[in-house]
Amino acid sequence: MITDLDYLKTMSGGDAKFIREMIDLFREQVNEYKELMPELLRKKDYDSLSKMAHKAKSSVAVMGMKHVSNQLKDLEILAHKGEEVDRYETLVDEFLQQSELALLELEKSYS
């Protein structure tokens, strides 16, 4: 399992409608990240990439994706400092791939 919705279930008191809304919001955010993050990489706009990684980190954390959240934290810090630039694309690709897999997993569980 890529996701762990225990936090969402606890926070919402098990409200399936709320959980569904959060999944829908996550899908919208992932679509935005898929469009914008590669463009930021291409433009070498690392400050904006750092900010987007920060925002994305919160999204995946709510879905219980701890490993991905930690990778985004690394990207956020590295991009903010402009360090280890050669790692950014791999971190973005991994985040996007894991997010797509998470959405498939969530759709099976909450359709």
C-alpha atoms as a PDB file:
ATOM      1  CA  MET A   1       0.000   0.000   0.000  1.00  0.00           C
ATOM      2  CA  ILE A   2       1.285   3.415  -0.963  1.00  0.00           C
ATOM      3  CA  THR A   3      -1.309   5.298   1.038  1.00  0.00           C
ATOM      4  CA  ASP A   4      -2.428   5.095   4.643  1.00  0.00           C
ATOM      5  CA  LEU A   5      -5.643   6.948   5.338  1.00  0.00           C
ATOM      6  CA  ASP A   6      -5.651   6.372   9.106  1.00  0.00           C
ATOM      7  CA  TYR A   7      -5.012  10.069   9.740  1.00  0.00           C
ATOM      8  CA  LEU A   8      -7.875  11.112   7.450  1.00  0.00           C
ATOM      9  CA  LYS A   9     -10.197   8.524   8.958  1.00  0.00           C
ATOM     10  CA  THR A  10      -9.390   9.681  12.487  1.00  0.00           C
ATOM     11  CA  MET A  11      -9.591  13.375  11.645  1.00  0.00           C
ATOM     12  CA  SER A  12     -12.941  12.970   9.864  1.00  0.00           C
ATOM     13  CA  GLY A  13     -14.468  10.511  12.284  1.00  0.00           C
ATOM     14  CA  GLY A  14     -14.661   8.035   9.408  1.00  0.00           C
ATOM     15  CA  ASP A  15     -16.769  10.369   7.245  1.00  0.00           C
ATOM     16  CA  ALA A  16     -16.595   8.675   3.829  1.00  0.00           C
ATOM     17  CA  LYS A  17     -17.857  11.788   2.021  1.00  0.00           C
ATOM     18  CA  PHE A  18     -15.084  13.920   3.528  1.00  0.00           C
ATOM     19  CA  ILE A  19     -12.459  11.306   2.653  1.00  0.00           C
ATOM     20  CA  ARG A  20     -13.776  11.198  -0.923  1.00  0.00           C
ATOM     21  CA  GLU A  21     -13.545  15.000  -1.137  1.00  0.00           C
ATOM     22  CA  MET A  22      -9.942  14.889   0.076  1.00  0.00           C
ATOM     23  CA  ILE A  23      -9.096  12.247  -2.520  1.00  0.00           C
ATOM     24  CA  ASP A  24     -10.688  14.406  -5.236  1.00  0.00           C
ATOM     25  CA  LEU A  25      -8.669  17.400  -4.037  1.00  0.00           C
ATOM     26  CA  PHE A  26      -5.506  15.288  -4.048  1.00  0.00           C
ATOM     27  CA  ARG A  27      -6.220  14.252  -7.663  1.00  0.00           C
ATOM     28  CA  GLU A  28      -6.606  17.898  -8.700  1.00  0.00           C
ATOM     29  CA  GLN A  29      -3.365  18.823  -6.972  1.00  0.00           C
ATOM     30  CA  VAL A  30      -1.459  15.934  -8.565  1.00  0.00           C
ATOM     31  CA  ASN A  31      -2.675  17.044 -11.990  1.00  0.00           C
ATOM     32  CA  GLU A  32      -1.390  20.551 -11.243  1.00  0.00           C
ATOM     33  CA  TYR A  33       1.983  19.210 -10.066  1.00  0.00           C
ATOM     34  CA  LYS A  34       2.290  17.008 -13.187  1.00  0.00           C
ATOM     35  CA  GLU A  35       1.924  20.077 -15.335  1.00  0.00           C
ATOM     36  CA  LEU A  36       3.970  22.587 -13.360  1.00  0.00           C
ATOM     37  CA  MET A  37       6.877  20.728 -11.776  1.00  0.00           C
ATOM     38  CA  PRO A  38       8.485  19.550 -15.042  1.00  0.00           C
ATOM     39  CA  GLU A  39       8.106  23.082 -16.403  1.00  0.00           C
ATOM     40  CA  LEU A  40       9.844  24.525 -13.334  1.00  0.00           C
ATOM     41  CA  LEU A  41      12.652  22.013 -13.803  1.00  0.00           C
ATOM     42  CA  ARG A  42      12.984  22.957 -17.472  1.00  0.00           C
ATOM     43  CA  LYS A  43      13.134  26.659 -16.584  1.00  0.00           C
ATOM     44  CA  LYS A  44      15.523  25.957 -13.695  1.00  0.00           C
ATOM     45  CA  ASP A  45      13.179  27.918 -11.443  1.00  0.00           C
ATOM     46  CA  TYR A  46      14.380  26.152  -8.332  1.00  0.00           C
ATOM     47  CA  ASP A  47      12.898  28.625  -5.877  1.00  0.00           C
ATOM     48  CA  SER A  48       9.390  27.985  -7.243  1.00  0.00           C
ATOM     49  CA  LEU A  49      10.136  24.254  -7.362  1.00  0.00           C
ATOM     50  CA  SER A  50      11.056  24.382  -3.678  1.00  0.00           C
ATOM     51  CA  LYS A  51       7.781  26.108  -2.849  1.00  0.00           C
ATOM     52  CA  MET A  52       5.788  23.616  -4.898  1.00  0.00           C
ATOM     53  CA  ALA A  53       7.559  20.702  -3.204  1.00  0.00           C
ATOM     54  CA  HIS A  54       6.562  22.207   0.140  1.00  0.00           C
ATOM     55  CA  LYS A  55       2.930  22.389  -0.941  1.00  0.00           C
ATOM     56  CA  ALA A  56       2.996  18.869  -2.409  1.00  0.00           C
ATOM     57  CA  LYS A  57       4.579  17.526   0.773  1.00  0.00           C
ATOM     58  CA  SER A  58       1.452  18.478   2.705  1.00  0.00           C
ATOM     59  CA  SER A  59      -0.802  16.831   0.114  1.00  0.00           C
ATOM     60  CA  VAL A  60       0.962  13.479   0.233  1.00  0.00           C
ATOM     61  CA  ALA A  61       1.312  13.584   4.017  1.00  0.00           C
ATOM     62  CA  VAL A  62      -2.480  13.777   4.379  1.00  0.00           C
ATOM     63  CA  MET A  63      -2.716  10.648   2.211  1.00  0.00           C
ATOM     64  CA  GLY A  64      -0.260   8.871   4.505  1.00  0.00           C
ATOM     65  CA  MET A  65       2.534   8.735   1.934  1.00  0.00           C
ATOM     66  CA  LYS A  66       5.390   9.177   4.406  1.00  0.00           C
ATOM     67  CA  HIS A  67       8.229   8.070   2.141  1.00  0.00           C
ATOM     68  CA  VAL A  68       7.134  10.417  -0.638  1.00  0.00           C
ATOM     69  CA  SER A  69       6.630  13.212   1.878  1.00  0.00           C
ATOM     70  CA  ASN A  70      10.224  12.762   3.043  1.00  0.00           C
ATOM     71  CA  GLN A  71      11.486  12.848  -0.551  1.00  0.00           C
ATOM     72  CA  LEU A  72       9.590  16.073  -1.158  1.00  0.00           C
ATOM     73  CA  LYS A  73      11.085  17.542   1.987  1.00  0.00           C
ATOM     74  CA  ASP A  74      14.539  16.736   0.574  1.00  0.00           C
ATOM     75  CA  LEU A  75      13.590  18.358  -2.742  1.00  0.00           C
ATOM     76  CA  GLU A  76      12.210  21.417  -0.976  1.00  0.00           C
ATOM     77  CA  ILE A  77      15.409  21.949   1.017  1.00  0.00           C
ATOM     78  CA  LEU A  78      17.807  21.163  -1.832  1.00  0.00           C
ATOM     79  CA  ALA A  79      15.985  23.344  -4.359  1.00  0.00           C
ATOM     80  CA  HIS A  80      15.775  26.207  -1.868  1.00  0.00           C
ATOM     81  CA  LYS A  81      19.546  26.049  -1.445  1.00  0.00           C
ATOM     82  CA  GLY A  82      20.227  25.279  -5.110  1.00  0.00           C
ATOM     83  CA  GLU A  83      22.196  22.189  -4.085  1.00  0.00           C
ATOM     84  CA  GLU A  84      22.452  18.761  -5.738  1.00  0.00           C
ATOM     85  CA  VAL A  85      20.555  19.985  -8.796  1.00  0.00           C
ATOM     86  CA  ASP A  86      21.153  16.658 -10.543  1.00  0.00           C
ATOM     87  CA  ARG A  87      18.746  14.953  -8.058  1.00  0.00           C
ATOM     88  CA  TYR A  88      15.721  17.190  -8.700  1.00  0.00           C
ATOM     89  CA  GLU A  89      14.393  15.444 -11.781  1.00  0.00           C
ATOM     90  CA  THR A  90      14.587  12.012 -10.137  1.00  0.00           C
ATOM     91  CA  LEU A  91      12.802  13.289  -7.027  1.00  0.00           C
ATOM     92  CA  VAL A  92      10.065  14.925  -9.104  1.00  0.00           C
ATOM     93  CA  ASP A  93       9.637  11.815 -11.266  1.00  0.00           C
ATOM     94  CA  GLU A  94       9.402   9.561  -8.216  1.00  0.00           C
ATOM     95  CA  PHE A  95       6.835  11.847  -6.600  1.00  0.00           C
ATOM     96  CA  LEU A  96       4.686  11.939  -9.743  1.00  0.00           C
ATOM     97  CA  GLN A  97       4.879   8.173 -10.277  1.00  0.00           C
ATOM     98  CA  GLN A  98       4.031   7.386  -6.665  1.00  0.00           C
ATOM     99  CA  SER A  99       1.164   9.875  -6.720  1.00  0.00           C
ATOM    100  CA  GLU A 100      -0.333   8.255  -9.824  1.00  0.00           C
ATOM    101  CA  LEU A 101      -0.082   4.824  -8.204  1.00  0.00           C
ATOM    102  CA  ALA A 102      -1.635   6.222  -5.032  1.00  0.00           C
ATOM    103  CA  LEU A 103      -4.574   7.607  -7.009  1.00  0.00           C
ATOM    104  CA  LEU A 104      -5.184   4.208  -8.598  1.00  0.00           C
ATOM    105  CA  GLU A 105      -5.046   2.608  -5.173  1.00  0.00           C
ATOM    106  CA  LEU A 106      -7.422   5.180  -3.686  1.00  0.00           C
ATOM    107  CA  GLU A 107      -9.875   4.800  -6.568  1.00  0.00           C
ATOM    108  CA  LYS A 108     -10.105   1.062  -5.919  1.00  0.00           C
ATOM    109  CA  SER A 109     -10.765   1.660  -2.231  1.00  0.00           C
ATOM    110  CA  TYR A 110     -13.059   4.703  -2.433  1.00  0.00           C
ATOM    111  CA  SER A 111     -14.939   4.601  -5.718  1.00  0.00           C
END
